[in-house]
Amino acid sequence: MKSNLVSMAIASAMLAVAVLTYATPVLLAIAWYRRLRSHPSNGIRVKVGWLSLVLASLGFILLVVAIKVSPDPGSPAFEIWFAKWLKICSVVSSVALVASLVGVGKMQWAVRLSSAIPPLSMLVAKALESRAPGSGRIVGFADISNQPANFPDCR
């Protein structure tokens, strides 16, 4: 029973990260729109708020680029690639998160949320990888549709 609760909690967390990954560009676009239309003061905290918005946007762009240019998940280069992009994305997103905690501006809550999503999304993607049965080949998102279904015979 306890194992089922833990499994449901993990699945719910993964689902939340997946939904927030797709919501991040919308949140960032709305934040950019509202910030560009506002006329705030020129204090240091406002400038840090702008910096956090720029870095959160950069962190999400790095996530998208990392997904688009990734090698085949079954290749040996994938592990090296993943570690490199996870570090880059995590550093940019961490700086954005710290800056968003200090800075002020419209939709600052969305900037905080958007800066936390890219590294979490990459970690969830890594957690969802699995090994193909009977081989050492890693199966990622791109390879799942190419795998034959191994359903047990239910007769």
Protein backbone atom coordinates (compact mmCIF):
# COMPACT_ATOMS: atom_id res chain seq x y z
CA MET A 1 0.00 0.00 0.00
CA LYS A 2 2.80 2.40 0.92
CA SER A 3 4.60 1.51 -2.32
CA ASN A 4 1.50 2.40 -4.33
CA LEU A 5 1.25 5.78 -2.61
CA VAL A 6 4.88 6.54 -3.37
CA SER A 7 4.42 5.47 -6.99
CA MET A 8 1.35 7.67 -7.34
CA ALA A 9 3.19 10.63 -5.81
CA ILE A 10 6.12 10.19 -8.20
CA ALA A 11 3.79 9.84 -11.19
CA SER A 12 1.87 12.95 -10.12
CA ALA A 13 5.08 14.94 -9.77
CA MET A 14 6.23 13.82 -13.23
CA LEU A 15 2.87 14.77 -14.70
CA ALA A 16 3.02 18.19 -13.05
CA VAL A 17 6.51 18.82 -14.46
CA ALA A 18 5.34 17.71 -17.93
CA VAL A 19 2.35 20.07 -17.85
CA LEU A 20 4.48 22.95 -16.55
CA THR A 21 7.07 22.30 -19.26
CA TYR A 22 4.44 22.97 -21.91
CA ALA A 23 3.02 25.92 -19.94
CA THR A 24 6.40 27.62 -19.51
CA PRO A 25 6.56 29.34 -22.93
CA VAL A 26 3.05 30.71 -22.41
CA LEU A 27 3.92 32.00 -18.94
CA LEU A 28 7.13 33.59 -20.20
CA ALA A 29 5.36 35.22 -23.15
CA ILE A 30 2.72 36.71 -20.86
CA ALA A 31 5.42 37.88 -18.43
CA TRP A 32 7.37 39.55 -21.26
CA TYR A 33 4.21 41.21 -22.56
CA ARG A 34 3.18 42.56 -19.16
CA ARG A 35 6.69 43.73 -18.30
CA LEU A 36 7.15 45.53 -21.61
CA ARG A 37 3.81 47.32 -21.21
CA SER A 38 4.45 48.45 -17.63
CA HIS A 39 6.36 51.56 -16.61
CA PRO A 40 8.21 50.60 -13.44
CA SER A 41 10.80 52.62 -11.59
CA ASN A 42 14.49 52.15 -12.32
CA GLY A 43 15.51 50.65 -8.98
CA ILE A 44 18.08 47.91 -8.63
CA ARG A 45 15.45 45.31 -7.70
CA VAL A 46 13.50 46.09 -10.89
CA LYS A 47 16.67 45.56 -12.95
CA VAL A 48 17.31 42.26 -11.17
CA GLY A 49 13.70 41.32 -11.98
CA TRP A 50 14.40 41.96 -15.66
CA LEU A 51 17.60 39.93 -15.43
CA SER A 52 15.67 37.04 -13.91
CA LEU A 53 13.14 37.17 -16.76
CA VAL A 54 15.93 37.15 -19.37
CA LEU A 55 17.71 34.24 -17.66
CA ALA A 56 14.51 32.23 -17.21
CA SER A 57 13.78 32.68 -20.91
CA LEU A 58 17.35 31.69 -21.77
CA GLY A 59 17.06 28.59 -19.58
CA PHE A 60 13.94 27.48 -21.44
CA ILE A 61 15.55 28.21 -24.83
CA LEU A 62 18.54 26.08 -23.77
CA LEU A 63 16.14 23.25 -22.88
CA VAL A 64 14.51 23.42 -26.32
CA VAL A 65 17.89 23.54 -28.08
CA ALA A 66 19.13 20.62 -26.00
CA ILE A 67 16.11 18.56 -27.05
CA LYS A 68 16.41 19.47 -30.72
CA VAL A 69 20.15 18.74 -31.10
CA SER A 70 20.34 15.66 -28.89
CA PRO A 71 22.03 12.56 -30.26
CA ASP A 72 20.21 9.23 -30.37
CA PRO A 73 19.45 8.12 -26.80
CA GLY A 74 21.02 4.74 -27.60
CA SER A 75 24.36 6.23 -28.59
CA PRO A 76 27.34 6.54 -26.22
CA ALA A 77 27.46 10.29 -26.91
CA PHE A 78 24.05 10.74 -25.32
CA GLU A 79 25.27 10.44 -21.70
CA ILE A 80 28.02 13.01 -22.26
CA TRP A 81 25.62 15.29 -24.10
CA PHE A 82 22.98 15.00 -21.40
CA ALA A 83 25.41 15.75 -18.55
CA LYS A 84 26.76 18.83 -20.38
CA TRP A 85 23.36 20.31 -21.19
CA LEU A 86 21.95 19.51 -17.76
CA LYS A 87 24.81 21.43 -16.13
CA ILE A 88 24.42 24.42 -18.45
CA CYS A 89 20.66 24.50 -18.07
CA SER A 90 20.85 24.07 -14.30
CA VAL A 91 23.37 26.89 -13.83
CA VAL A 92 21.37 29.36 -15.95
CA SER A 93 18.09 28.37 -14.30
CA SER A 94 19.57 28.52 -10.78
CA VAL A 95 20.90 32.04 -11.36
CA ALA A 96 17.49 32.98 -12.77
CA LEU A 97 15.75 31.54 -9.71
CA VAL A 98 17.99 33.42 -7.27
CA ALA A 99 17.58 36.64 -9.26
CA SER A 100 13.81 36.17 -9.33
CA LEU A 101 13.74 35.85 -5.56
CA VAL A 102 15.57 39.18 -5.22
CA GLY A 103 14.00 41.06 -8.13
CA VAL A 104 10.57 42.57 -8.48
CA GLY A 105 8.25 43.06 -11.41
CA LYS A 106 4.98 42.00 -12.93
CA MET A 107 4.41 38.24 -13.05
CA GLN A 108 7.50 37.57 -10.92
CA TRP A 109 5.85 34.37 -9.65
CA ALA A 110 5.77 33.09 -13.24
CA VAL A 111 9.46 33.87 -13.65
CA ARG A 112 10.25 31.89 -10.49
CA LEU A 113 8.22 28.95 -11.72
CA SER A 114 9.64 29.12 -15.25
CA SER A 115 13.20 29.19 -14.00
CA ALA A 116 12.72 25.97 -12.04
CA ILE A 117 11.14 23.95 -14.87
CA PRO A 118 13.99 23.35 -17.40
CA PRO A 119 16.31 21.35 -15.10
CA LEU A 120 13.35 19.48 -13.61
CA SER A 121 12.10 18.64 -17.08
CA MET A 122 15.50 17.26 -18.08
CA LEU A 123 15.69 15.16 -14.92
CA VAL A 124 12.20 13.75 -15.51
CA ALA A 125 13.18 12.89 -19.09
CA LYS A 126 16.25 11.10 -17.76
CA ALA A 127 14.16 9.23 -15.20
CA LEU A 128 11.76 8.06 -17.91
CA GLU A 129 14.52 6.43 -19.92
CA SER A 130 14.61 2.69 -19.64
CA ARG A 131 16.64 -0.16 -21.01
CA ALA A 132 15.18 -2.20 -23.81
CA PRO A 133 14.43 -5.75 -22.73
CA GLY A 134 17.16 -8.19 -23.74
CA SER A 135 19.67 -5.57 -24.85
CA GLY A 136 21.90 -2.89 -23.41
CA ARG A 137 20.35 -0.27 -25.65
CA ILE A 138 18.79 2.71 -23.93
CA VAL A 139 15.27 3.54 -25.05
CA GLY A 140 14.37 7.21 -24.91
CA PHE A 141 11.36 9.23 -25.98
CA ALA A 142 12.24 9.02 -29.68
CA ASP A 143 12.62 5.23 -29.65
CA ILE A 144 9.49 4.22 -27.76
CA SER A 145 7.29 4.14 -30.85
CA ASN A 146 9.79 1.88 -32.66
CA GLN A 147 9.74 -0.83 -29.99
CA PRO A 148 7.44 -3.83 -30.46
CA ALA A 149 4.80 -4.22 -27.82
CA ASN A 150 5.63 -7.06 -25.42
CA PHE A 151 2.27 -7.64 -23.83
CA PRO A 152 1.80 -10.88 -21.88
CA ASP A 153 -0.63 -13.38 -23.28
CA CYS A 154 -3.83 -12.95 -21.26
CA ARG A 155 -5.55 -16.18 -22.23
